[in-house]
Amino acid sequence: METLIRQGVRHFLSGGARGFDLMAAALIACKKEIGADLRLDFILPCKDQDALWPERERELYRGLLAEADGAIYLSNTYQPGCMKRRNQYMVEHADYCIYALLHEHSGTWQTVQYAKQKGLCLISVTEQRF
């Protein structure tokens, strides 16, 4: 993300998922706090996605959501397929796909395959290559 920011990228999307999504969003939020001219928007599968999360992660998520410049909810409540719709939406509205791929055939793997198909610039932060 640092390289992209130096190259002039100013708008970042986050799916708000536990793990890498929240870590990446936190980095952008920190950059914004120290004066970087960045925009952070969350693209969320549903309004209640954090309902079953541990309290600590729920607090982090809600704090980042409060600091974000915007949020788009693709559904009011969890529905089958809403996570996939969130991932497709992000790919369709992005030029880059920054990802941490740990498991083949996971939701992340499917999203990366879709991003490849759509011609996005892919940036992996892991050494896993599938």
N, C-alpha and C. Protein backbone atom coordinates (compact mmCIF):
# COMPACT_ATOMS: atom_id res chain seq x y z
N MET A 1 0.83 -1.19 0.00
CA MET A 1 0.00 0.00 0.00
C MET A 1 0.87 1.24 0.00
N GLU A 2 2.00 1.17 0.69
CA GLU A 2 2.91 2.31 0.71
C GLU A 2 3.35 2.67 -0.71
N THR A 3 3.70 1.67 -1.49
CA THR A 3 4.13 1.91 -2.87
C THR A 3 3.01 2.54 -3.68
N LEU A 4 1.80 2.04 -3.53
CA LEU A 4 0.67 2.60 -4.27
C LEU A 4 0.42 4.05 -3.87
N ILE A 5 0.53 4.34 -2.59
CA ILE A 5 0.34 5.72 -2.13
C ILE A 5 1.41 6.62 -2.74
N ARG A 6 2.67 6.17 -2.76
CA ARG A 6 3.74 6.96 -3.38
C ARG A 6 3.49 7.17 -4.87
N GLN A 7 2.80 6.21 -5.50
CA GLN A 7 2.48 6.31 -6.93
C GLN A 7 1.24 7.16 -7.19
N GLY A 8 0.61 7.64 -6.13
CA GLY A 8 -0.53 8.54 -6.30
C GLY A 8 -1.90 7.93 -6.06
N VAL A 9 -1.99 6.66 -5.68
CA VAL A 9 -3.28 6.07 -5.38
C VAL A 9 -3.79 6.69 -4.08
N ARG A 10 -5.03 7.16 -4.09
CA ARG A 10 -5.60 7.86 -2.94
C ARG A 10 -6.87 7.22 -2.40
N HIS A 11 -7.46 6.32 -3.15
CA HIS A 11 -8.75 5.75 -2.76
C HIS A 11 -8.58 4.26 -2.52
N PHE A 12 -8.96 3.80 -1.33
CA PHE A 12 -8.83 2.40 -0.96
C PHE A 12 -10.19 1.85 -0.53
N LEU A 13 -10.45 0.61 -0.93
CA LEU A 13 -11.66 -0.10 -0.54
C LEU A 13 -11.28 -1.24 0.40
N SER A 14 -12.13 -1.48 1.37
CA SER A 14 -11.94 -2.61 2.28
C SER A 14 -13.24 -3.39 2.39
N GLY A 15 -13.12 -4.71 2.38
CA GLY A 15 -14.29 -5.56 2.57
C GLY A 15 -14.67 -5.72 4.02
N GLY A 16 -13.83 -5.22 4.94
CA GLY A 16 -14.16 -5.23 6.36
C GLY A 16 -14.13 -6.60 7.01
N ALA A 17 -13.54 -7.59 6.34
CA ALA A 17 -13.47 -8.93 6.93
C ALA A 17 -12.41 -8.98 8.02
N ARG A 18 -12.55 -9.96 8.91
CA ARG A 18 -11.58 -10.17 9.96
C ARG A 18 -10.22 -10.50 9.33
N GLY A 19 -9.16 -10.11 10.00
CA GLY A 19 -7.82 -10.44 9.52
C GLY A 19 -7.26 -9.35 8.63
N PHE A 20 -6.82 -9.76 7.43
CA PHE A 20 -6.09 -8.84 6.55
C PHE A 20 -6.90 -7.61 6.19
N ASP A 21 -8.18 -7.75 5.91
CA ASP A 21 -9.01 -6.58 5.54
C ASP A 21 -8.94 -5.51 6.62
N LEU A 22 -9.10 -5.92 7.87
CA LEU A 22 -9.07 -4.93 8.97
C LEU A 22 -7.68 -4.37 9.18
N MET A 23 -6.65 -5.19 9.03
CA MET A 23 -5.28 -4.69 9.17
C MET A 23 -4.98 -3.64 8.10
N ALA A 24 -5.36 -3.92 6.87
CA ALA A 24 -5.11 -2.98 5.79
C ALA A 24 -5.90 -1.69 5.99
N ALA A 25 -7.15 -1.81 6.41
CA ALA A 25 -7.98 -0.62 6.68
C ALA A 25 -7.38 0.20 7.82
N ALA A 26 -6.85 -0.48 8.84
CA ALA A 26 -6.22 0.23 9.96
C ALA A 26 -5.00 1.01 9.50
N LEU A 27 -4.23 0.46 8.58
CA LEU A 27 -3.07 1.18 8.05
C LEU A 27 -3.51 2.45 7.34
N ILE A 28 -4.53 2.36 6.52
CA ILE A 28 -5.02 3.55 5.81
C ILE A 28 -5.57 4.56 6.81
N ALA A 29 -6.31 4.10 7.81
CA ALA A 29 -6.85 5.01 8.83
C ALA A 29 -5.71 5.73 9.56
N CYS A 30 -4.64 5.02 9.87
CA CYS A 30 -3.48 5.64 10.54
C CYS A 30 -2.84 6.69 9.65
N LYS A 31 -2.70 6.37 8.37
CA LYS A 31 -2.13 7.34 7.42
C LYS A 31 -3.00 8.60 7.36
N LYS A 32 -4.30 8.41 7.36
CA LYS A 32 -5.21 9.55 7.33
C LYS A 32 -5.06 10.40 8.60
N GLU A 33 -4.89 9.73 9.74
CA GLU A 33 -4.74 10.46 11.02
C GLU A 33 -3.52 11.35 11.04
N ILE A 34 -2.46 10.96 10.32
CA ILE A 34 -1.25 11.78 10.31
C ILE A 34 -1.22 12.73 9.11
N GLY A 35 -2.36 12.87 8.45
CA GLY A 35 -2.49 13.90 7.44
C GLY A 35 -2.45 13.46 6.00
N ALA A 36 -2.33 12.16 5.73
CA ALA A 36 -2.32 11.71 4.34
C ALA A 36 -3.68 11.96 3.70
N ASP A 37 -3.67 12.43 2.48
CA ASP A 37 -4.90 12.72 1.74
C ASP A 37 -5.38 11.44 1.07
N LEU A 38 -6.04 10.60 1.85
CA LEU A 38 -6.52 9.30 1.38
C LEU A 38 -8.01 9.17 1.65
N ARG A 39 -8.63 8.29 0.91
CA ARG A 39 -10.04 7.98 1.13
C ARG A 39 -10.16 6.49 1.40
N LEU A 40 -10.93 6.14 2.43
CA LEU A 40 -11.17 4.75 2.79
C LEU A 40 -12.68 4.50 2.78
N ASP A 41 -13.10 3.60 1.91
CA ASP A 41 -14.50 3.20 1.86
C ASP A 41 -14.60 1.71 2.15
N PHE A 42 -15.60 1.35 2.92
CA PHE A 42 -15.89 -0.06 3.20
C PHE A 42 -16.98 -0.53 2.25
N ILE A 43 -16.77 -1.70 1.69
CA ILE A 43 -17.78 -2.37 0.88
C ILE A 43 -18.16 -3.61 1.69
N LEU A 44 -19.34 -3.61 2.25
CA LEU A 44 -19.70 -4.62 3.25
C LEU A 44 -20.82 -5.53 2.76
N PRO A 45 -20.69 -6.81 3.07
CA PRO A 45 -21.68 -7.77 2.58
C PRO A 45 -23.06 -7.58 3.22
N CYS A 46 -23.07 -7.16 4.50
CA CYS A 46 -24.33 -6.99 5.21
C CYS A 46 -24.08 -6.15 6.46
N LYS A 47 -25.14 -5.56 6.98
CA LYS A 47 -25.00 -4.67 8.15
C LYS A 47 -24.63 -5.42 9.42
N ASP A 48 -24.93 -6.71 9.47
CA ASP A 48 -24.67 -7.46 10.70
C ASP A 48 -23.49 -8.43 10.57
N GLN A 49 -22.54 -8.13 9.70
CA GLN A 49 -21.46 -9.08 9.46
C GLN A 49 -20.63 -9.36 10.71
N ASP A 50 -20.59 -8.44 11.65
CA ASP A 50 -19.77 -8.61 12.86
C ASP A 50 -20.55 -9.21 14.04
N ALA A 51 -21.77 -9.63 13.82
CA ALA A 51 -22.64 -10.09 14.91
C ALA A 51 -22.04 -11.22 15.74
N LEU A 52 -21.30 -12.12 15.12
CA LEU A 52 -20.76 -13.27 15.85
C LEU A 52 -19.25 -13.15 16.11
N TRP A 53 -18.68 -11.98 15.86
CA TRP A 53 -17.24 -11.79 16.05
C TRP A 53 -16.92 -11.61 17.53
N PRO A 54 -15.68 -11.93 17.92
CA PRO A 54 -15.24 -11.62 19.28
C PRO A 54 -15.31 -10.10 19.52
N GLU A 55 -15.58 -9.72 20.75
CA GLU A 55 -15.79 -8.30 21.08
C GLU A 55 -14.62 -7.41 20.64
N ARG A 56 -13.40 -7.87 20.83
CA ARG A 56 -12.24 -7.05 20.48
C ARG A 56 -12.21 -6.72 18.99
N GLU A 57 -12.48 -7.72 18.16
CA GLU A 57 -12.50 -7.48 16.72
C GLU A 57 -13.70 -6.63 16.31
N ARG A 58 -14.81 -6.81 16.99
CA ARG A 58 -15.99 -6.00 16.71
C ARG A 58 -15.70 -4.53 17.03
N GLU A 59 -15.00 -4.26 18.13
CA GLU A 59 -14.64 -2.88 18.48
C GLU A 59 -13.71 -2.26 17.44
N LEU A 60 -12.71 -3.03 17.01
CA LEU A 60 -11.80 -2.54 15.97
C LEU A 60 -12.57 -2.22 14.70
N TYR A 61 -13.40 -3.14 14.27
CA TYR A 61 -14.19 -2.97 13.06
C TYR A 61 -15.07 -1.72 13.15
N ARG A 62 -15.78 -1.59 14.24
CA ARG A 62 -16.69 -0.44 14.37
C ARG A 62 -15.93 0.88 14.47
N GLY A 63 -14.76 0.86 15.11
CA GLY A 63 -13.94 2.06 15.16
C GLY A 63 -13.44 2.46 13.78
N LEU A 64 -12.99 1.49 13.00
CA LEU A 64 -12.53 1.78 11.64
C LEU A 64 -13.68 2.25 10.76
N LEU A 65 -14.82 1.64 10.94
CA LEU A 65 -16.00 2.03 10.18
C LEU A 65 -16.37 3.49 10.48
N ALA A 66 -16.24 3.88 11.74
CA ALA A 66 -16.54 5.27 12.12
C ALA A 66 -15.55 6.25 11.51
N GLU A 67 -14.31 5.81 11.29
CA GLU A 67 -13.28 6.68 10.71
C GLU A 67 -13.31 6.69 9.19
N ALA A 68 -14.01 5.76 8.59
CA ALA A 68 -14.04 5.64 7.13
C ALA A 68 -14.77 6.82 6.50
N ASP A 69 -14.48 7.03 5.24
CA ASP A 69 -15.15 8.10 4.50
C ASP A 69 -16.52 7.67 3.99
N GLY A 70 -16.74 6.38 3.90
CA GLY A 70 -18.03 5.88 3.42
C GLY A 70 -18.14 4.39 3.61
N ALA A 71 -19.37 3.91 3.49
CA ALA A 71 -19.63 2.47 3.57
C ALA A 71 -20.82 2.14 2.69
N ILE A 72 -20.68 1.07 1.95
CA ILE A 72 -21.76 0.56 1.12
C ILE A 72 -22.10 -0.82 1.65
N TYR A 73 -23.36 -1.01 2.02
CA TYR A 73 -23.85 -2.31 2.49
C TYR A 73 -24.61 -2.96 1.35
N LEU A 74 -24.23 -4.16 0.99
CA LEU A 74 -24.88 -4.85 -0.12
C LEU A 74 -26.13 -5.61 0.31
N SER A 75 -26.33 -5.73 1.63
CA SER A 75 -27.52 -6.39 2.16
C SER A 75 -27.73 -5.92 3.60
N ASN A 76 -28.96 -5.94 4.07
CA ASN A 76 -29.22 -5.58 5.47
C ASN A 76 -28.79 -6.69 6.42
N THR A 77 -29.04 -7.93 6.03
CA THR A 77 -28.68 -9.07 6.88
C THR A 77 -27.91 -10.09 6.05
N TYR A 78 -27.24 -10.99 6.75
CA TYR A 78 -26.48 -12.03 6.08
C TYR A 78 -27.40 -12.88 5.20
N GLN A 79 -26.96 -13.12 3.98
CA GLN A 79 -27.67 -14.00 3.04
C GLN A 79 -26.63 -14.83 2.32
N PRO A 80 -26.95 -16.05 1.95
CA PRO A 80 -25.99 -16.85 1.17
C PRO A 80 -25.52 -16.07 -0.07
N GLY A 81 -24.23 -16.06 -0.28
CA GLY A 81 -23.67 -15.38 -1.44
C GLY A 81 -23.32 -13.93 -1.22
N CYS A 82 -23.66 -13.35 -0.07
CA CYS A 82 -23.40 -11.91 0.12
C CYS A 82 -21.90 -11.60 0.20
N MET A 83 -21.10 -12.53 0.71
CA MET A 83 -19.65 -12.30 0.78
C MET A 83 -19.06 -12.29 -0.64
N LYS A 84 -19.52 -13.21 -1.46
CA LYS A 84 -19.05 -13.26 -2.85
C LYS A 84 -19.46 -12.00 -3.60
N ARG A 85 -20.67 -11.53 -3.38
CA ARG A 85 -21.13 -10.28 -4.03
C ARG A 85 -20.27 -9.10 -3.59
N ARG A 86 -19.90 -9.07 -2.30
CA ARG A 86 -19.01 -8.01 -1.80
C ARG A 86 -17.68 -8.05 -2.53
N ASN A 87 -17.10 -9.24 -2.66
CA ASN A 87 -15.80 -9.38 -3.32
C ASN A 87 -15.88 -8.98 -4.79
N GLN A 88 -16.94 -9.39 -5.48
CA GLN A 88 -17.11 -9.02 -6.88
C GLN A 88 -17.27 -7.51 -7.04
N TYR A 89 -18.04 -6.90 -6.15
CA TYR A 89 -18.23 -5.45 -6.20
C TYR A 89 -16.88 -4.74 -6.09
N MET A 90 -16.06 -5.18 -5.13
CA MET A 90 -14.76 -4.52 -4.95
C MET A 90 -13.89 -4.67 -6.19
N VAL A 91 -13.85 -5.86 -6.78
CA VAL A 91 -13.06 -6.07 -7.99
C VAL A 91 -13.57 -5.17 -9.12
N GLU A 92 -14.86 -5.07 -9.25
CA GLU A 92 -15.44 -4.28 -10.33
C GLU A 92 -15.25 -2.77 -10.15
N HIS A 93 -14.85 -2.34 -8.97
CA HIS A 93 -14.65 -0.92 -8.70
C HIS A 93 -13.21 -0.59 -8.30
N ALA A 94 -12.27 -1.42 -8.73
CA ALA A 94 -10.88 -1.23 -8.34
C ALA A 94 -9.94 -1.38 -9.54
N ASP A 95 -8.75 -0.86 -9.37
CA ASP A 95 -7.68 -1.05 -10.35
C ASP A 95 -6.63 -2.02 -9.83
N TYR A 96 -6.57 -2.15 -8.51
CA TYR A 96 -5.58 -3.01 -7.85
C TYR A 96 -6.30 -3.97 -6.91
N CYS A 97 -5.68 -5.12 -6.70
CA CYS A 97 -6.18 -6.09 -5.73
C CYS A 97 -5.00 -6.46 -4.83
N ILE A 98 -5.03 -5.96 -3.60
CA ILE A 98 -4.01 -6.29 -2.61
C ILE A 98 -4.59 -7.41 -1.76
N TYR A 99 -3.86 -8.51 -1.63
CA TYR A 99 -4.46 -9.67 -0.97
C TYR A 99 -3.43 -10.48 -0.19
N ALA A 100 -3.95 -11.23 0.78
CA ALA A 100 -3.18 -12.20 1.55
C ALA A 100 -3.81 -13.56 1.33
N LEU A 101 -3.25 -14.31 0.42
CA LEU A 101 -3.81 -15.61 0.04
C LEU A 101 -3.12 -16.71 0.81
N LEU A 102 -3.88 -17.42 1.63
CA LEU A 102 -3.32 -18.49 2.45
C LEU A 102 -3.82 -19.87 2.05
N HIS A 103 -5.00 -19.94 1.40
CA HIS A 103 -5.59 -21.24 1.07
C HIS A 103 -6.16 -21.22 -0.33
N GLU A 104 -5.78 -22.22 -1.10
CA GLU A 104 -6.34 -22.37 -2.44
C GLU A 104 -7.83 -22.68 -2.34
N HIS A 105 -8.58 -22.17 -3.27
CA HIS A 105 -10.04 -22.37 -3.38
C HIS A 105 -10.83 -21.70 -2.25
N SER A 106 -10.21 -20.78 -1.54
CA SER A 106 -10.90 -19.99 -0.51
C SER A 106 -11.63 -18.84 -1.19
N GLY A 107 -12.36 -18.06 -0.41
CA GLY A 107 -13.01 -16.87 -0.95
C GLY A 107 -11.99 -15.89 -1.51
N THR A 108 -10.85 -15.77 -0.83
CA THR A 108 -9.78 -14.89 -1.33
C THR A 108 -9.28 -15.41 -2.67
N TRP A 109 -9.05 -16.71 -2.77
CA TRP A 109 -8.56 -17.30 -4.02
C TRP A 109 -9.55 -17.02 -5.14
N GLN A 110 -10.84 -17.20 -4.88
CA GLN A 110 -11.86 -16.94 -5.91
C GLN A 110 -11.83 -15.47 -6.33
N THR A 111 -11.66 -14.59 -5.35
CA THR A 111 -11.62 -13.16 -5.66
C THR A 111 -10.40 -12.82 -6.50
N VAL A 112 -9.26 -13.39 -6.19
CA VAL A 112 -8.04 -13.14 -6.96
C VAL A 112 -8.22 -13.66 -8.40
N GLN A 113 -8.85 -14.81 -8.55
CA GLN A 113 -9.11 -15.34 -9.90
C GLN A 113 -9.99 -14.37 -10.69
N TYR A 114 -11.01 -13.83 -10.04
CA TYR A 114 -11.91 -12.88 -10.69
C TYR A 114 -11.15 -11.59 -11.03
N ALA A 115 -10.30 -11.14 -10.12
CA ALA A 115 -9.51 -9.93 -10.36
C ALA A 115 -8.56 -10.13 -11.54
N LYS A 116 -7.96 -11.32 -11.66
CA LYS A 116 -7.11 -11.63 -12.82
C LYS A 116 -7.92 -11.53 -14.10
N GLN A 117 -9.10 -12.13 -14.07
CA GLN A 117 -9.98 -12.14 -15.24
C GLN A 117 -10.35 -10.72 -15.65
N LYS A 118 -10.52 -9.84 -14.68
CA LYS A 118 -10.92 -8.46 -14.96
C LYS A 118 -9.72 -7.55 -15.26
N GLY A 119 -8.50 -8.09 -15.16
CA GLY A 119 -7.32 -7.32 -15.53
C GLY A 119 -6.77 -6.40 -14.46
N LEU A 120 -7.12 -6.64 -13.21
CA LEU A 120 -6.57 -5.80 -12.14
C LEU A 120 -5.09 -6.10 -11.92
N CYS A 121 -4.38 -5.13 -11.43
CA CYS A 121 -3.00 -5.32 -11.00
C CYS A 121 -3.05 -6.05 -9.65
N LEU A 122 -2.43 -7.22 -9.56
CA LEU A 122 -2.49 -8.05 -8.36
C LEU A 122 -1.24 -7.85 -7.51
N ILE A 123 -1.46 -7.65 -6.20
CA ILE A 123 -0.36 -7.45 -5.26
C ILE A 123 -0.56 -8.38 -4.08
N SER A 124 0.29 -9.39 -3.99
CA SER A 124 0.21 -10.35 -2.89
C SER A 124 1.12 -9.92 -1.75
N VAL A 125 0.63 -10.04 -0.52
CA VAL A 125 1.47 -9.73 0.64
C VAL A 125 1.93 -11.01 1.33
N THR A 126 1.67 -12.15 0.70
CA THR A 126 2.14 -13.44 1.23
C THR A 126 3.04 -14.08 0.19
N GLU A 127 3.76 -15.09 0.62
CA GLU A 127 4.63 -15.82 -0.30
C GLU A 127 3.94 -17.00 -0.94
N GLN A 128 2.69 -17.27 -0.53
CA GLN A 128 1.93 -18.36 -1.13
C GLN A 128 1.62 -18.04 -2.58
N ARG A 129 1.85 -18.98 -3.45
CA ARG A 129 1.52 -18.80 -4.87
C ARG A 129 0.75 -20.03 -5.31
N PHE A 130 -0.48 -19.83 -5.73
CA PHE A 130 -1.31 -20.95 -6.19
C PHE A 130 -1.57 -20.81 -7.67
